[in-house]
Amino acid sequence: MPDTPDVARRGLSRRRLMFDMALATGAAGILGANLAAGRVAAAPSKLAPGDIGYQTTPKGGQRCELCVNWQPPSSCKTVAGPISPTGWCGLFVRKR
């Protein structure tokens, strides 16, 4: 009896190998698309003013219009809602 390759003895064939590779590639594509969609859905939102101690008055020389997160005329990159330029919160970081 002629020697058969190790692959044939294990019941593997080129057709089976190609099918398994196509299946794995498709599964990886679906998984990747779902992960990407999940990252978009899990993007952080702005914080509520009460959660970080926002106040409409400055704290010493610190006020929103001097902060790196300030977005004129009345917005913030990290705090939700209308923000006073003379307000202050616990996330204050002075612009350089």
PDB file of N, CA and C in Angstrom:
ATOM      1  N   MET A   1       0.844  -1.173   0.000  1.00  0.00           N
ATOM      2  CA  MET A   1       0.000   0.000   0.000  1.00  0.00           C
ATOM      3  C   MET A   1       0.895   1.244   0.000  1.00  0.00           C
ATOM      4  N   PRO A   2       0.613   2.211  -0.876  1.00  0.00           N
ATOM      5  CA  PRO A   2       1.471   3.396  -0.952  1.00  0.00           C
ATOM      6  C   PRO A   2       1.312   4.257   0.297  1.00  0.00           C
ATOM      7  N   ASP A   3       2.387   4.942   0.628  1.00  0.00           N
ATOM      8  CA  ASP A   3       2.327   5.850   1.781  1.00  0.00           C
ATOM      9  C   ASP A   3       1.434   7.037   1.426  1.00  0.00           C
ATOM     10  N   THR A   4       0.547   7.354   2.336  1.00  0.00           N
ATOM     11  CA  THR A   4      -0.318   8.524   2.117  1.00  0.00           C
ATOM     12  C   THR A   4       0.222   9.669   2.940  1.00  0.00           C
ATOM     13  N   PRO A   5       0.099  10.873   2.449  1.00  0.00           N
ATOM     14  CA  PRO A   5       0.573  12.027   3.215  1.00  0.00           C
ATOM     15  C   PRO A   5      -0.154  12.113   4.560  1.00  0.00           C
ATOM     16  N   ASP A   6       0.519  12.687   5.518  1.00  0.00           N
ATOM     17  CA  ASP A   6      -0.031  12.843   6.865  1.00  0.00           C
ATOM     18  C   ASP A   6      -1.372  13.576   6.825  1.00  0.00           C
ATOM     19  N   VAL A   7      -1.496  14.557   5.960  1.00  0.00           N
ATOM     20  CA  VAL A   7      -2.731  15.335   5.848  1.00  0.00           C
ATOM     21  C   VAL A   7      -3.893  14.441   5.432  1.00  0.00           C
ATOM     22  N   ALA A   8      -3.677  13.592   4.475  1.00  0.00           N
ATOM     23  CA  ALA A   8      -4.753  12.713   4.003  1.00  0.00           C
ATOM     24  C   ALA A   8      -5.152  11.708   5.081  1.00  0.00           C
ATOM     25  N   ARG A   9      -4.178  11.235   5.836  1.00  0.00           N
ATOM     26  CA  ARG A   9      -4.486  10.286   6.906  1.00  0.00           C
ATOM     27  C   ARG A   9      -5.380  10.894   7.965  1.00  0.00           C
ATOM     28  N   ARG A  10      -5.253  12.174   8.207  1.00  0.00           N
ATOM     29  CA  ARG A  10      -6.069  12.853   9.220  1.00  0.00           C
ATOM     30  C   ARG A  10      -7.439  13.244   8.692  1.00  0.00           C
ATOM     31  N   GLY A  11      -7.720  12.959   7.464  1.00  0.00           N
ATOM     32  CA  GLY A  11      -9.023  13.285   6.897  1.00  0.00           C
ATOM     33  C   GLY A  11      -9.138  14.725   6.430  1.00  0.00           C
ATOM     34  N   LEU A  12      -8.017  15.395   6.266  1.00  0.00           N
ATOM     35  CA  LEU A  12      -8.039  16.773   5.783  1.00  0.00           C
ATOM     36  C   LEU A  12      -7.891  16.773   4.270  1.00  0.00           C
ATOM     37  N   SER A  13      -8.518  17.730   3.660  1.00  0.00           N
ATOM     38  CA  SER A  13      -8.381  17.887   2.217  1.00  0.00           C
ATOM     39  C   SER A  13      -8.216  19.362   1.901  1.00  0.00           C
ATOM     40  N   ARG A  14      -7.780  19.647   0.704  1.00  0.00           N
ATOM     41  CA  ARG A  14      -7.642  21.033   0.278  1.00  0.00           C
ATOM     42  C   ARG A  14      -8.997  21.734   0.328  1.00  0.00           C
ATOM     43  N   ARG A  15     -10.042  21.045  -0.098  1.00  0.00           N
ATOM     44  CA  ARG A  15     -11.387  21.612  -0.090  1.00  0.00           C
ATOM     45  C   ARG A  15     -11.820  21.964   1.337  1.00  0.00           C
ATOM     46  N   ARG A  16     -11.582  21.074   2.280  1.00  0.00           N
ATOM     47  CA  ARG A  16     -11.959  21.316   3.677  1.00  0.00           C
ATOM     48  C   ARG A  16     -11.157  22.474   4.253  1.00  0.00           C
ATOM     49  N   LEU A  17      -9.869  22.515   3.949  1.00  0.00           N
ATOM     50  CA  LEU A  17      -9.018  23.598   4.423  1.00  0.00           C
ATOM     51  C   LEU A  17      -9.503  24.944   3.895  1.00  0.00           C
ATOM     52  N   MET A  18      -9.832  25.022   2.607  1.00  0.00           N
ATOM     53  CA  MET A  18     -10.326  26.276   2.015  1.00  0.00           C
ATOM     54  C   MET A  18     -11.662  26.681   2.641  1.00  0.00           C
ATOM     55  N   PHE A  19     -12.534  25.713   2.881  1.00  0.00           N
ATOM     56  CA  PHE A  19     -13.836  26.000   3.499  1.00  0.00           C
ATOM     57  C   PHE A  19     -13.638  26.555   4.909  1.00  0.00           C
ATOM     58  N   ASP A  20     -12.778  25.921   5.691  1.00  0.00           N
ATOM     59  CA  ASP A  20     -12.522  26.374   7.052  1.00  0.00           C
ATOM     60  C   ASP A  20     -11.909  27.774   7.081  1.00  0.00           C
ATOM     61  N   MET A  21     -11.014  28.061   6.146  1.00  0.00           N
ATOM     62  CA  MET A  21     -10.399  29.393   6.084  1.00  0.00           C
ATOM     63  C   MET A  21     -11.438  30.453   5.727  1.00  0.00           C
ATOM     64  N   ALA A  22     -12.319  30.145   4.780  1.00  0.00           N
ATOM     65  CA  ALA A  22     -13.371  31.092   4.398  1.00  0.00           C
ATOM     66  C   ALA A  22     -14.319  31.336   5.571  1.00  0.00           C
ATOM     67  N   LEU A  23     -14.655  30.298   6.288  1.00  0.00           N
ATOM     68  CA  LEU A  23     -15.535  30.419   7.447  1.00  0.00           C
ATOM     69  C   LEU A  23     -14.882  31.285   8.524  1.00  0.00           C
ATOM     70  N   ALA A  24     -13.624  31.056   8.791  1.00  0.00           N
ATOM     71  CA  ALA A  24     -12.912  31.821   9.807  1.00  0.00           C
ATOM     72  C   ALA A  24     -12.786  33.292   9.397  1.00  0.00           C
ATOM     73  N   THR A  25     -12.518  33.544   8.126  1.00  0.00           N
ATOM     74  CA  THR A  25     -12.402  34.923   7.641  1.00  0.00           C
ATOM     75  C   THR A  25     -13.729  35.656   7.768  1.00  0.00           C
ATOM     76  N   GLY A  26     -14.811  35.001   7.409  1.00  0.00           N
ATOM     77  CA  GLY A  26     -16.132  35.610   7.534  1.00  0.00           C
ATOM     78  C   GLY A  26     -16.481  35.897   8.977  1.00  0.00           C
ATOM     79  N   ALA A  27     -16.178  34.968   9.863  1.00  0.00           N
ATOM     80  CA  ALA A  27     -16.469  35.164  11.285  1.00  0.00           C
ATOM     81  C   ALA A  27     -15.655  36.327  11.847  1.00  0.00           C
ATOM     82  N   ALA A  28     -14.399  36.424  11.431  1.00  0.00           N
ATOM     83  CA  ALA A  28     -13.554  37.523  11.900  1.00  0.00           C
ATOM     84  C   ALA A  28     -14.089  38.867  11.406  1.00  0.00           C
ATOM     85  N   GLY A  29     -14.580  38.915  10.184  1.00  0.00           N
ATOM     86  CA  GLY A  29     -15.156  40.149   9.653  1.00  0.00           C
ATOM     87  C   GLY A  29     -16.393  40.573  10.415  1.00  0.00           C
ATOM     88  N   ILE A  30     -17.243  39.629  10.727  1.00  0.00           N
ATOM     89  CA  ILE A  30     -18.457  39.945  11.488  1.00  0.00           C
ATOM     90  C   ILE A  30     -18.095  40.401  12.894  1.00  0.00           C
ATOM     91  N   LEU A  31     -17.174  39.708  13.524  1.00  0.00           N
ATOM     92  CA  LEU A  31     -16.738  40.081  14.865  1.00  0.00           C
ATOM     93  C   LEU A  31     -16.125  41.479  14.859  1.00  0.00           C
ATOM     94  N   GLY A  32     -15.286  41.771  13.877  1.00  0.00           N
ATOM     95  CA  GLY A  32     -14.671  43.091  13.787  1.00  0.00           C
ATOM     96  C   GLY A  32     -15.693  44.199  13.595  1.00  0.00           C
ATOM     97  N   ALA A  33     -16.694  43.959  12.762  1.00  0.00           N
ATOM     98  CA  ALA A  33     -17.740  44.961  12.537  1.00  0.00           C
ATOM     99  C   ALA A  33     -18.537  45.201  13.818  1.00  0.00           C
ATOM    100  N   ASN A  34     -18.823  44.148  14.544  1.00  0.00           N
ATOM    101  CA  ASN A  34     -19.570  44.301  15.792  1.00  0.00           C
ATOM    102  C   ASN A  34     -18.752  45.035  16.842  1.00  0.00           C
ATOM    103  N   LEU A  35     -17.456  44.755  16.914  1.00  0.00           N
ATOM    104  CA  LEU A  35     -16.607  45.467  17.860  1.00  0.00           C
ATOM    105  C   LEU A  35     -16.537  46.948  17.524  1.00  0.00           C
ATOM    106  N   ALA A  36     -16.398  47.265  16.239  1.00  0.00           N
ATOM    107  CA  ALA A  36     -16.332  48.664  15.828  1.00  0.00           C
ATOM    108  C   ALA A  36     -17.630  49.389  16.157  1.00  0.00           C
ATOM    109  N   ALA A  37     -18.745  48.743  15.930  1.00  0.00           N
ATOM    110  CA  ALA A  37     -20.042  49.355  16.248  1.00  0.00           C
ATOM    111  C   ALA A  37     -20.173  49.552  17.748  1.00  0.00           C
ATOM    112  N   GLY A  38     -19.661  48.613  18.516  1.00  0.00           N
ATOM    113  CA  GLY A  38     -19.718  48.729  19.970  1.00  0.00           C
ATOM    114  C   GLY A  38     -18.877  49.878  20.492  1.00  0.00           C
ATOM    115  N   ARG A  39     -17.739  50.128  19.860  1.00  0.00           N
ATOM    116  CA  ARG A  39     -16.897  51.242  20.292  1.00  0.00           C
ATOM    117  C   ARG A  39     -17.583  52.573  20.048  1.00  0.00           C
ATOM    118  N   VAL A  40     -18.248  52.676  18.933  1.00  0.00           N
ATOM    119  CA  VAL A  40     -18.960  53.918  18.631  1.00  0.00           C
ATOM    120  C   VAL A  40     -20.079  54.124  19.637  1.00  0.00           C
ATOM    121  N   ALA A  41     -20.816  53.067  19.942  1.00  0.00           N
ATOM    122  CA  ALA A  41     -21.934  53.172  20.873  1.00  0.00           C
ATOM    123  C   ALA A  41     -21.447  53.453  22.292  1.00  0.00           C
ATOM    124  N   ALA A  42     -20.239  53.036  22.621  1.00  0.00           N
ATOM    125  CA  ALA A  42     -19.737  53.204  23.970  1.00  0.00           C
ATOM    126  C   ALA A  42     -18.920  54.484  24.147  1.00  0.00           C
ATOM    127  N   ALA A  43     -18.930  55.351  23.155  1.00  0.00           N
ATOM    128  CA  ALA A  43     -18.182  56.595  23.251  1.00  0.00           C
ATOM    129  C   ALA A  43     -18.672  57.398  24.457  1.00  0.00           C
ATOM    130  N   PRO A  44     -17.752  57.941  25.238  1.00  0.00           N
ATOM    131  CA  PRO A  44     -18.154  58.666  26.435  1.00  0.00           C
ATOM    132  C   PRO A  44     -18.940  59.925  26.088  1.00  0.00           C
ATOM    133  N   SER A  45     -19.930  60.224  26.908  1.00  0.00           N
ATOM    134  CA  SER A  45     -20.711  61.436  26.705  1.00  0.00           C
ATOM    135  C   SER A  45     -20.242  62.486  27.707  1.00  0.00           C
ATOM    136  N   LYS A  46     -20.760  63.661  27.589  1.00  0.00           N
ATOM    137  CA  LYS A  46     -20.390  64.734  28.508  1.00  0.00           C
ATOM    138  C   LYS A  46     -20.961  64.453  29.894  1.00  0.00           C
ATOM    139  N   LEU A  47     -20.292  64.985  30.880  1.00  0.00           N
ATOM    140  CA  LEU A  47     -20.698  64.794  32.271  1.00  0.00           C
ATOM    141  C   LEU A  47     -21.769  65.804  32.670  1.00  0.00           C
ATOM    142  N   ALA A  48     -22.609  65.407  33.604  1.00  0.00           N
ATOM    143  CA  ALA A  48     -23.633  66.317  34.137  1.00  0.00           C
ATOM    144  C   ALA A  48     -22.942  67.368  35.005  1.00  0.00           C
ATOM    145  N   PRO A  49     -23.375  68.616  34.947  1.00  0.00           N
ATOM    146  CA  PRO A  49     -22.730  69.671  35.737  1.00  0.00           C
ATOM    147  C   PRO A  49     -22.646  69.344  37.230  1.00  0.00           C
ATOM    148  N   GLY A  50     -23.695  68.752  37.782  1.00  0.00           N
ATOM    149  CA  GLY A  50     -23.700  68.438  39.207  1.00  0.00           C
ATOM    150  C   GLY A  50     -22.699  67.366  39.587  1.00  0.00           C
ATOM    151  N   ASP A  51     -22.318  66.517  38.649  1.00  0.00           N
ATOM    152  CA  ASP A  51     -21.387  65.425  38.938  1.00  0.00           C
ATOM    153  C   ASP A  51     -19.962  65.903  39.175  1.00  0.00           C
ATOM    154  N   ILE A  52     -19.619  67.068  38.676  1.00  0.00           N
ATOM    155  CA  ILE A  52     -18.241  67.527  38.811  1.00  0.00           C
ATOM    156  C   ILE A  52     -18.136  68.872  39.529  1.00  0.00           C
ATOM    157  N   GLY A  53     -19.214  69.273  40.197  1.00  0.00           N
ATOM    158  CA  GLY A  53     -19.196  70.486  41.012  1.00  0.00           C
ATOM    159  C   GLY A  53     -19.244  71.781  40.223  1.00  0.00           C
ATOM    160  N   TYR A  54     -19.895  71.769  39.062  1.00  0.00           N
ATOM    161  CA  TYR A  54     -19.988  72.994  38.258  1.00  0.00           C
ATOM    162  C   TYR A  54     -20.751  74.072  39.023  1.00  0.00           C
ATOM    163  N   GLN A  55     -20.246  75.297  38.943  1.00  0.00           N
ATOM    164  CA  GLN A  55     -20.932  76.460  39.508  1.00  0.00           C
ATOM    165  C   GLN A  55     -20.833  77.599  38.515  1.00  0.00           C
ATOM    166  N   THR A  56     -21.791  78.508  38.558  1.00  0.00           N
ATOM    167  CA  THR A  56     -21.827  79.607  37.584  1.00  0.00           C
ATOM    168  C   THR A  56     -20.917  80.765  37.967  1.00  0.00           C
ATOM    169  N   THR A  57     -20.257  80.666  39.105  1.00  0.00           N
ATOM    170  CA  THR A  57     -19.332  81.713  39.540  1.00  0.00           C
ATOM    171  C   THR A  57     -17.904  81.166  39.528  1.00  0.00           C
ATOM    172  N   PRO A  58     -16.909  82.062  39.358  1.00  0.00           N
ATOM    173  CA  PRO A  58     -15.521  81.593  39.318  1.00  0.00           C
ATOM    174  C   PRO A  58     -15.038  81.145  40.696  1.00  0.00           C
ATOM    175  N   LYS A  59     -13.942  80.429  40.713  1.00  0.00           N
ATOM    176  CA  LYS A  59     -13.311  80.026  41.969  1.00  0.00           C
ATOM    177  C   LYS A  59     -11.911  80.632  41.957  1.00  0.00           C
ATOM    178  N   GLY A  60     -11.776  81.715  42.683  1.00  0.00           N
ATOM    179  CA  GLY A  60     -10.518  82.455  42.664  1.00  0.00           C
ATOM    180  C   GLY A  60     -10.269  82.993  41.263  1.00  0.00           C
ATOM    181  N   GLY A  61      -9.099  82.741  40.710  1.00  0.00           N
ATOM    182  CA  GLY A  61      -8.770  83.176  39.360  1.00  0.00           C
ATOM    183  C   GLY A  61      -9.126  82.146  38.295  1.00  0.00           C
ATOM    184  N   GLN A  62      -9.799  81.095  38.709  1.00  0.00           N
ATOM    185  CA  GLN A  62     -10.168  80.040  37.763  1.00  0.00           C
ATOM    186  C   GLN A  62     -11.599  80.257  37.282  1.00  0.00           C
ATOM    187  N   ARG A  63     -11.761  80.295  35.959  1.00  0.00           N
ATOM    188  CA  ARG A  63     -13.105  80.405  35.358  1.00  0.00           C
ATOM    189  C   ARG A  63     -13.094  79.705  34.006  1.00  0.00           C
ATOM    190  N   CYS A  64     -14.240  79.262  33.577  1.00  0.00           N
ATOM    191  CA  CYS A  64     -14.367  78.425  32.375  1.00  0.00           C
ATOM    192  C   CYS A  64     -13.681  78.999  31.144  1.00  0.00           C
ATOM    193  N   GLU A  65     -13.812  80.297  30.906  1.00  0.00           N
ATOM    194  CA  GLU A  65     -13.225  80.878  29.694  1.00  0.00           C
ATOM    195  C   GLU A  65     -11.702  80.785  29.662  1.00  0.00           C
ATOM    196  N   LEU A  66     -11.061  80.467  30.778  1.00  0.00           N
ATOM    197  CA  LEU A  66      -9.612  80.300  30.842  1.00  0.00           C
ATOM    198  C   LEU A  66      -9.193  78.828  30.815  1.00  0.00           C
ATOM    199  N   CYS A  67     -10.165  77.918  30.675  1.00  0.00           N
ATOM    200  CA  CYS A  67      -9.920  76.478  30.737  1.00  0.00           C
ATOM    201  C   CYS A  67      -9.685  75.887  29.339  1.00  0.00           C
ATOM    202  N   VAL A  68      -8.877  74.824  29.242  1.00  0.00           N
ATOM    203  CA  VAL A  68      -8.613  74.170  27.963  1.00  0.00           C
ATOM    204  C   VAL A  68      -9.858  73.503  27.383  1.00  0.00           C
ATOM    205  N   ASN A  69     -10.850  73.231  28.200  1.00  0.00           N
ATOM    206  CA  ASN A  69     -12.074  72.568  27.733  1.00  0.00           C
ATOM    207  C   ASN A  69     -13.153  73.542  27.268  1.00  0.00           C
ATOM    208  N   TRP A  70     -12.920  74.826  27.419  1.00  0.00           N
ATOM    209  CA  TRP A  70     -13.906  75.855  27.063  1.00  0.00           C
ATOM    210  C   TRP A  70     -14.103  75.920  25.552  1.00  0.00           C
ATOM    211  N   GLN A  71     -15.385  75.990  25.144  1.00  0.00           N
ATOM    212  CA  GLN A  71     -15.737  76.136  23.734  1.00  0.00           C
ATOM    213  C   GLN A  71     -16.714  77.307  23.613  1.00  0.00           C
ATOM    214  N   PRO A  72     -16.219  78.478  23.186  1.00  0.00           N
ATOM    215  CA  PRO A  72     -17.077  79.655  23.072  1.00  0.00           C
ATOM    216  C   PRO A  72     -18.257  79.397  22.139  1.00  0.00           C
ATOM    217  N   PRO A  73     -19.391  80.018  22.324  1.00  0.00           N
ATOM    218  CA  PRO A  73     -19.625  81.054  23.323  1.00  0.00           C
ATOM    219  C   PRO A  73     -20.089  80.512  24.676  1.00  0.00           C
ATOM    220  N   SER A  74     -20.652  79.313  24.762  1.00  0.00           N
ATOM    221  CA  SER A  74     -21.167  78.845  26.054  1.00  0.00           C
ATOM    222  C   SER A  74     -21.200  77.326  26.158  1.00  0.00           C
ATOM    223  N   SER A  75     -20.070  76.686  25.827  1.00  0.00           N
ATOM    224  CA  SER A  75     -20.038  75.236  25.824  1.00  0.00           C
ATOM    225  C   SER A  75     -18.718  74.736  26.396  1.00  0.00           C
ATOM    226  N   CYS A  76     -18.693  73.439  26.695  1.00  0.00           N
ATOM    227  CA  CYS A  76     -17.506  72.799  27.255  1.00  0.00           C
ATOM    228  C   CYS A  76     -17.321  71.440  26.597  1.00  0.00           C
ATOM    229  N   LYS A  77     -16.076  71.008  26.440  1.00  0.00           N
ATOM    230  CA  LYS A  77     -15.787  69.703  25.853  1.00  0.00           C
ATOM    231  C   LYS A  77     -16.196  68.558  26.772  1.00  0.00           C
ATOM    232  N   THR A  78     -16.241  68.793  28.071  1.00  0.00           N
ATOM    233  CA  THR A  78     -16.485  67.706  29.017  1.00  0.00           C
ATOM    234  C   THR A  78     -17.763  67.822  29.833  1.00  0.00           C
ATOM    235  N   VAL A  79     -18.351  69.021  29.916  1.00  0.00           N
ATOM    236  CA  VAL A  79     -19.551  69.236  30.731  1.00  0.00           C
ATOM    237  C   VAL A  79     -20.747  69.521  29.826  1.00  0.00           C
ATOM    238  N   ALA A  80     -21.868  68.873  30.111  1.00  0.00           N
ATOM    239  CA  ALA A  80     -23.077  69.037  29.302  1.00  0.00           C
ATOM    240  C   ALA A  80     -23.820  70.323  29.660  1.00  0.00           C
ATOM    241  N   GLY A  81     -24.575  70.803  28.691  1.00  0.00           N
ATOM    242  CA  GLY A  81     -25.447  71.960  28.913  1.00  0.00           C
ATOM    243  C   GLY A  81     -24.755  73.279  28.663  1.00  0.00           C
ATOM    244  N   PRO A  82     -25.515  74.372  28.808  1.00  0.00           N
ATOM    245  CA  PRO A  82     -24.913  75.698  28.636  1.00  0.00           C
ATOM    246  C   PRO A  82     -23.962  75.988  29.801  1.00  0.00           C
ATOM    247  N   ILE A  83     -22.820  76.555  29.456  1.00  0.00           N
ATOM    248  CA  ILE A  83     -21.773  76.833  30.445  1.00  0.00           C
ATOM    249  C   ILE A  83     -21.472  78.328  30.446  1.00  0.00           C
ATOM    250  N   SER A  84     -21.414  78.895  31.638  1.00  0.00           N
ATOM    251  CA  SER A  84     -21.093  80.312  31.774  1.00  0.00           C
ATOM    252  C   SER A  84     -19.589  80.517  31.612  1.00  0.00           C
ATOM    253  N   PRO A  85     -19.185  81.548  30.871  1.00  0.00           N
ATOM    254  CA  PRO A  85     -17.745  81.814  30.733  1.00  0.00           C
ATOM    255  C   PRO A  85     -17.095  82.127  32.078  1.00  0.00           C
ATOM    256  N   THR A  86     -17.878  82.625  33.037  1.00  0.00           N
ATOM    257  CA  THR A  86     -17.336  82.936  34.353  1.00  0.00           C
ATOM    258  C   THR A  86     -17.596  81.811  35.358  1.00  0.00           C
ATOM    259  N   GLY A  87     -18.050  80.657  34.880  1.00  0.00           N
ATOM    260  CA  GLY A  87     -18.298  79.519  35.753  1.00  0.00           C
ATOM    261  C   GLY A  87     -17.012  78.778  36.110  1.00  0.00           C
ATOM    262  N   TRP A  88     -17.163  77.690  36.864  1.00  0.00           N
ATOM    263  CA  TRP A  88     -16.017  76.884  37.279  1.00  0.00           C
ATOM    264  C   TRP A  88     -16.487  75.464  37.583  1.00  0.00           C
ATOM    265  N   CYS A  89     -15.598  74.479  37.367  1.00  0.00           N
ATOM    266  CA  CYS A  89     -15.889  73.102  37.787  1.00  0.00           C
ATOM    267  C   CYS A  89     -14.600  72.413  38.212  1.00  0.00           C
ATOM    268  N   GLY A  90     -14.733  71.226  38.753  1.00  0.00           N
ATOM    269  CA  GLY A  90     -13.595  70.477  39.251  1.00  0.00           C
ATOM    270  C   GLY A  90     -12.650  69.963  38.180  1.00  0.00           C
ATOM    271  N   LEU A  91     -13.019  70.114  36.925  1.00  0.00           N
ATOM    272  CA  LEU A  91     -12.161  69.664  35.829  1.00  0.00           C
ATOM    273  C   LEU A  91     -11.339  70.809  35.226  1.00  0.00           C
ATOM    274  N   PHE A  92     -11.306  71.941  35.885  1.00  0.00           N
ATOM    275  CA  PHE A  92     -10.605  73.119  35.379  1.00  0.00           C
ATOM    276  C   PHE A  92      -9.125  72.819  35.140  1.00  0.00           C
ATOM    277  N   VAL A  93      -8.653  73.162  33.934  1.00  0.00           N
ATOM    278  CA  VAL A  93      -7.226  73.107  33.578  1.00  0.00           C
ATOM    279  C   VAL A  93      -6.923  74.382  32.795  1.00  0.00           C
ATOM    280  N   ARG A  94      -6.067  75.204  33.333  1.00  0.00           N
ATOM    281  CA  ARG A  94      -5.776  76.503  32.711  1.00  0.00           C
ATOM    282  C   ARG A  94      -5.118  76.341  31.346  1.00  0.00           C
ATOM    283  N   LYS A  95      -5.569  77.165  30.390  1.00  0.00           N
ATOM    284  CA  LYS A  95      -4.926  77.223  29.072  1.00  0.00           C
ATOM    285  C   LYS A  95      -3.509  77.754  29.240  1.00  0.00           C
ATOM    286  N   ARG A  96      -2.618  77.332  28.361  1.00  0.00           N
ATOM    287  CA  ARG A  96      -1.232  77.830  28.426  1.00  0.00           C
ATOM    288  C   ARG A  96      -1.020  78.908  27.428  1.00  0.00           C
TER     289      ARG A  96
END
